[in-house]
Protein backbone atom coordinates (compact mmCIF):
# COMPACT_ATOMS: atom_id res chain seq x y z
CA MET A 1 -13.50 19.28 6.90
CA GLY A 2 -13.74 19.46 10.62
CA GLU A 3 -14.66 16.55 12.81
CA LYS A 4 -18.39 16.09 13.23
CA ARG A 5 -19.51 16.56 16.80
CA GLU A 6 -22.65 15.36 18.50
CA PRO A 7 -24.94 18.06 19.91
CA HIS A 8 -23.79 19.10 23.36
CA GLU A 9 -25.93 17.81 26.22
CA GLU A 10 -25.65 18.97 29.78
CA PRO A 11 -25.12 16.09 32.19
CA LYS A 12 -28.29 15.20 34.01
CA GLU A 13 -28.29 15.25 37.77
CA ALA A 14 -28.74 11.85 39.25
CA GLU A 15 -32.31 11.39 40.35
CA THR A 16 -32.25 10.15 43.89
CA GLU A 17 -35.07 9.39 46.28
CA THR A 18 -34.53 9.08 49.99
CA HIS A 19 -36.31 6.11 51.47
CA TYR A 20 -37.42 5.37 55.00
CA ASN A 21 -35.54 2.77 56.98
CA PHE A 22 -38.92 1.49 58.18
CA GLY A 23 -40.63 1.92 54.83
CA GLU A 24 -44.21 0.63 54.99
CA ALA A 25 -44.84 1.72 58.56
CA MET A 26 -43.42 5.20 58.08
CA ARG A 27 -45.31 5.77 54.83
CA GLU A 28 -48.52 4.90 56.70
CA VAL A 29 -47.65 7.34 59.46
CA GLU A 30 -46.66 10.02 56.94
CA ALA A 31 -50.07 9.99 55.28
CA ALA A 32 -51.90 10.39 58.58
CA VAL A 33 -49.59 13.07 59.99
CA THR A 34 -49.70 15.02 56.72
CA SER A 35 -53.48 15.23 57.08
CA LEU A 36 -53.12 16.46 60.67
CA VAL A 37 -50.56 19.10 59.66
CA GLU A 38 -52.87 20.34 56.91
CA GLN A 39 -55.55 20.84 59.57
CA LEU A 40 -53.04 22.50 61.91
CA LYS A 41 -51.29 24.61 59.26
CA GLU A 42 -52.68 28.01 60.18
CA LYS A 43 -52.23 27.38 63.90
CA ILE A 44 -48.63 26.33 63.33
CA GLU A 45 -47.91 29.42 61.23
CA THR A 46 -49.28 31.89 63.78
CA GLY A 47 -47.72 30.18 66.78
CA GLU A 48 -50.46 31.64 68.94
CA GLU A 49 -52.47 28.46 69.60
CA TYR A 50 -50.20 25.90 71.25
CA SER A 51 -47.28 26.11 73.65
CA ALA A 52 -46.74 22.37 74.25
CA LEU A 53 -47.18 18.91 72.76
CA LEU A 54 -48.02 15.86 74.89
CA SER A 55 -47.45 12.40 73.42
CA ASP A 56 -49.95 9.81 74.62
CA ASP A 57 -48.50 6.30 74.89
CA ALA A 58 -45.89 4.56 72.76
CA GLY A 59 -47.98 4.95 69.62
CA GLY A 60 -48.02 8.72 69.88
CA ARG A 61 -44.25 9.13 70.08
CA ILE A 62 -43.46 9.07 66.35
CA PRO A 63 -46.16 11.56 65.24
CA THR A 64 -45.33 13.79 68.20
CA LEU A 65 -41.64 13.94 67.28
CA VAL A 66 -42.52 14.67 63.65
CA LEU A 67 -44.91 17.45 64.70
CA GLU A 68 -42.27 18.85 67.04
CA LYS A 69 -39.82 19.26 64.15
CA ILE A 70 -42.48 20.86 61.95
CA PHE A 71 -43.56 23.29 64.68
CA ARG A 72 -39.95 24.27 65.32
CA GLU A 73 -39.32 24.97 61.64
CA LYS A 74 -42.61 26.61 60.63
CA SER A 75 -43.87 28.26 63.83
CA PRO A 76 -42.53 31.58 65.15
CA LYS A 77 -43.09 30.44 68.74
CA LYS A 78 -41.21 27.88 70.82
CA ILE A 79 -42.97 24.57 71.44
CA ARG A 80 -42.31 22.25 74.38
CA THR A 81 -42.68 18.47 74.07
CA TYR A 82 -43.55 15.89 76.73
CA PHE A 83 -44.25 12.16 76.80
CA LEU A 84 -46.77 10.24 78.86
CA GLY A 85 -46.89 6.44 79.21
CA GLY A 86 -50.31 5.16 78.21
CA GLY A 87 -50.59 2.98 81.29
CA SER A 88 -50.75 6.08 83.45
CA THR A 89 -54.20 6.94 82.18
CA ALA A 90 -55.96 3.72 83.08
CA GLY A 91 -57.81 4.76 86.17
CA HIS A 92 -59.58 7.73 87.73
CA LYS A 93 -58.63 8.98 91.17
CA HIS A 94 -61.59 7.31 92.88
CA GLN A 95 -60.18 3.90 91.94
CA ASP A 96 -56.76 4.37 93.56
CA GLN A 97 -56.08 7.81 94.99
CA GLU A 98 -52.41 7.22 95.80
CA LYS A 99 -51.48 5.94 92.35
CA TYR A 100 -53.65 8.54 90.64
CA GLU A 101 -51.62 11.22 92.39
CA GLN A 102 -48.46 9.75 90.80
CA LEU A 103 -49.97 10.68 87.46
CA THR A 104 -51.08 14.18 88.41
CA LYS A 105 -47.74 14.86 90.12
CA TYR A 106 -45.90 13.81 86.94
CA LEU A 107 -48.13 16.01 84.78
CA GLY A 108 -47.56 18.85 87.22
CA THR A 109 -43.81 18.81 86.53
CA MET A 110 -44.40 19.77 82.90
CA ASP A 111 -44.03 23.39 81.84
CA LEU A 112 -46.99 23.53 79.47
CA GLY A 113 -46.77 27.26 78.85
CA ASP A 114 -49.56 29.80 78.74
CA LYS A 115 -51.37 28.57 75.64
CA LYS A 116 -53.13 25.35 74.68
CA LEU A 117 -51.71 21.87 75.01
CA LEU A 118 -51.93 19.59 71.96
CA ILE A 119 -52.28 15.92 72.93
CA VAL A 120 -51.00 13.63 70.17
CA THR A 121 -52.04 9.99 69.96
CA GLN A 122 -51.93 7.19 67.44
CA PHE A 123 -55.35 5.64 67.79
CA ILE A 124 -58.69 6.30 69.49
CA SER A 125 -61.14 3.48 70.03
CA SER A 126 -63.61 4.27 72.81
CA GLY A 127 -61.89 7.51 73.82
CA GLU A 128 -61.60 6.32 77.42
CA THR A 129 -57.84 6.80 77.67
CA LEU A 130 -58.00 10.39 76.44
CA ASP A 131 -60.97 11.03 78.69
CA LYS A 132 -58.85 10.01 81.68
CA ILE A 133 -55.98 12.20 80.53
CA GLY A 134 -58.44 15.08 80.29
CA VAL A 135 -59.69 14.50 83.83
CA ALA A 136 -56.13 14.41 85.19
CA LEU A 137 -55.21 17.60 83.31
CA LYS A 138 -58.26 19.40 84.69
CA ASP A 139 -57.28 18.32 88.19
CA ILE A 140 -53.94 20.11 87.86
CA GLY A 141 -55.56 23.20 86.37
CA VAL A 142 -54.92 22.58 82.65
CA THR A 143 -58.24 23.37 81.04
CA HIS A 144 -57.27 24.29 77.48
CA PHE A 145 -56.15 21.51 75.19
CA ASP A 146 -56.89 19.90 71.83
CA ILE A 147 -56.35 16.35 70.58
CA ALA A 148 -54.73 15.12 67.36
CA SER A 149 -55.12 11.42 66.55
CA MET A 150 -53.81 9.61 63.48
CA TYR A 151 -56.69 7.13 63.43
CA VAL A 152 -59.96 6.07 65.05
CA GLY A 153 -61.45 2.63 65.52
CA ARG A 154 -64.50 3.35 63.36
CA ASP A 155 -65.24 6.23 60.99
CA LYS A 156 -68.77 6.40 62.42
CA ALA A 157 -67.25 7.22 65.80
CA ILE A 158 -65.53 10.40 64.64
CA GLU A 159 -68.41 12.83 65.00
CA PRO A 160 -69.62 11.44 68.38
CA LEU A 161 -66.04 11.60 69.69
CA LYS A 162 -65.62 15.16 68.46
CA LYS A 163 -68.86 16.15 70.13
CA TYR A 164 -67.93 14.43 73.41
CA PHE A 165 -64.50 16.03 73.76
CA GLN A 166 -65.84 19.43 72.79
CA GLU A 167 -68.69 19.29 75.29
CA THR A 168 -66.67 17.68 78.09
CA PHE A 169 -63.36 19.52 77.83
CA GLY A 170 -63.84 22.24 75.22
CA ALA A 171 -61.25 20.31 73.18
CA GLU A 172 -61.10 20.14 69.39
CA LEU A 173 -60.46 16.64 68.06
CA MET A 174 -58.54 16.33 64.78
CA ILE A 175 -58.29 12.99 62.96
CA GLY A 176 -55.62 12.13 60.40
CA LYS A 177 -56.89 9.24 58.29
CA GLY A 178 -59.99 7.94 60.03
CA GLU A 179 -60.67 4.24 60.45
CA TRP A 180 -57.69 1.92 60.59
CA ALA A 181 -57.19 -1.69 61.65
CA PRO A 182 -53.45 -2.43 61.86
CA GLY A 183 -52.28 -6.02 62.03
CA ASN A 184 -50.63 -7.48 65.11
CA ASP A 185 -47.24 -7.70 63.37
CA PHE A 186 -47.36 -4.02 62.47
CA MET A 187 -48.25 -2.97 66.00
CA ALA A 188 -45.56 -5.16 67.58
CA ASN A 189 -42.92 -3.70 65.26
CA TYR A 190 -44.18 -0.12 65.55
CA HIS A 191 -44.22 -0.17 69.35
CA THR A 192 -40.75 -1.64 69.74
CA SER A 193 -38.28 -1.33 66.87
CA ILE A 194 -39.72 1.92 65.51
CA SER A 195 -40.86 3.87 68.57
CA GLY A 196 -38.23 2.34 70.85
CA ILE A 197 -40.68 2.13 73.77
CA LYS A 198 -43.69 0.21 75.01
CA SER A 199 -46.28 0.90 77.69
CA GLN A 200 -45.93 -0.14 81.29
CA LYS A 201 -48.26 -2.85 82.58
CA ASP A 202 -48.80 -0.78 85.71
CA PRO A 203 -51.96 1.17 84.84
CA TYR A 204 -50.72 4.29 86.61
CA SER A 205 -47.06 4.42 85.64
CA PRO A 206 -46.45 7.67 83.73
CA MET A 207 -43.27 6.46 82.02
CA PRO A 208 -43.01 3.91 79.20
CA ILE A 209 -40.42 1.14 79.05
CA LYS A 210 -37.48 1.70 76.72
CA VAL A 211 -36.95 -1.18 74.31
CA GLY A 212 -35.32 -1.79 70.94
CA LYS A 213 -31.74 -1.70 69.75
CA GLN A 214 -29.79 1.55 69.51
CA GLU A 215 -29.30 1.00 65.79
CA GLU A 216 -33.07 0.80 65.30
CA ILE A 217 -33.61 3.91 67.41
CA ASN A 218 -31.06 5.79 65.27
CA GLN A 219 -32.82 4.62 62.09
CA SER A 220 -36.15 5.75 63.49
CA ARG A 221 -34.71 9.20 64.25
CA GLU A 222 -33.51 9.43 60.65
CA ASP A 223 -37.00 8.53 59.44
CA ILE A 224 -38.61 11.13 61.72
CA ALA A 225 -36.35 13.89 60.34
CA LEU A 226 -37.03 12.78 56.77
CA MET A 227 -40.77 12.61 57.34
CA ALA A 228 -40.90 16.11 58.78
CA GLN A 229 -39.17 17.50 55.69
CA LYS A 230 -41.41 15.54 53.32
CA ILE A 231 -44.54 16.84 55.03
CA ILE A 232 -43.25 20.42 55.03
CA LYS A 233 -42.70 20.21 51.27
CA LYS A 234 -46.25 18.91 50.78
CA VAL A 235 -48.03 21.37 53.06
CA TRP A 236 -45.80 24.36 52.30
CA PRO A 237 -44.78 23.75 48.67
CA GLU A 238 -43.69 27.36 48.30
CA SER A 239 -40.89 26.75 50.82
């Protein structure tokens, strides 16, 4: 009699899951940015809505870089990306004309294209910072832009903020996850180790301060690339 053999089984592929280097923080960001991309999906696919992204402050850098990768992969049109230090928005021209012109001159160097600008920010409380960005943009002739924010200070503020930006600038406001109250430890880590930058104390300076170790910056870049792919798989499961 022949030797008895066990039924043949194909070897199973090892199940692996890629994790973020900055796990908790990046998972929080991923949920909010996924919601924004779902709202932006059709506009990304057509490529006819936006020609540039503008990151507001240190907090907007991570979602902006994730959106940039998603636009470049899923949109048929080229997207340009720019960064603005949050301190640069703290003051209208009537408060300090000379320093205000530093801001408008910096914005004027950006090639924003012939379509809308999408301003990307982490958090809106009163809306004052974005209001000042809007005024500066109008002063250099940029009158068509929308705003994408991961969070707001209070859910009850969402509709009034949407109404204000629509009536004042003709801008659509999109919110990722709504109300959020991050702890001080999270914010300190997010604005240094993860984003690699922090805002200038000078209220008019358009450029943030670079901080963080190169190793952390490299890890953050890895997380950004991973997040973009994760969101693409969620929003475009057919791809």
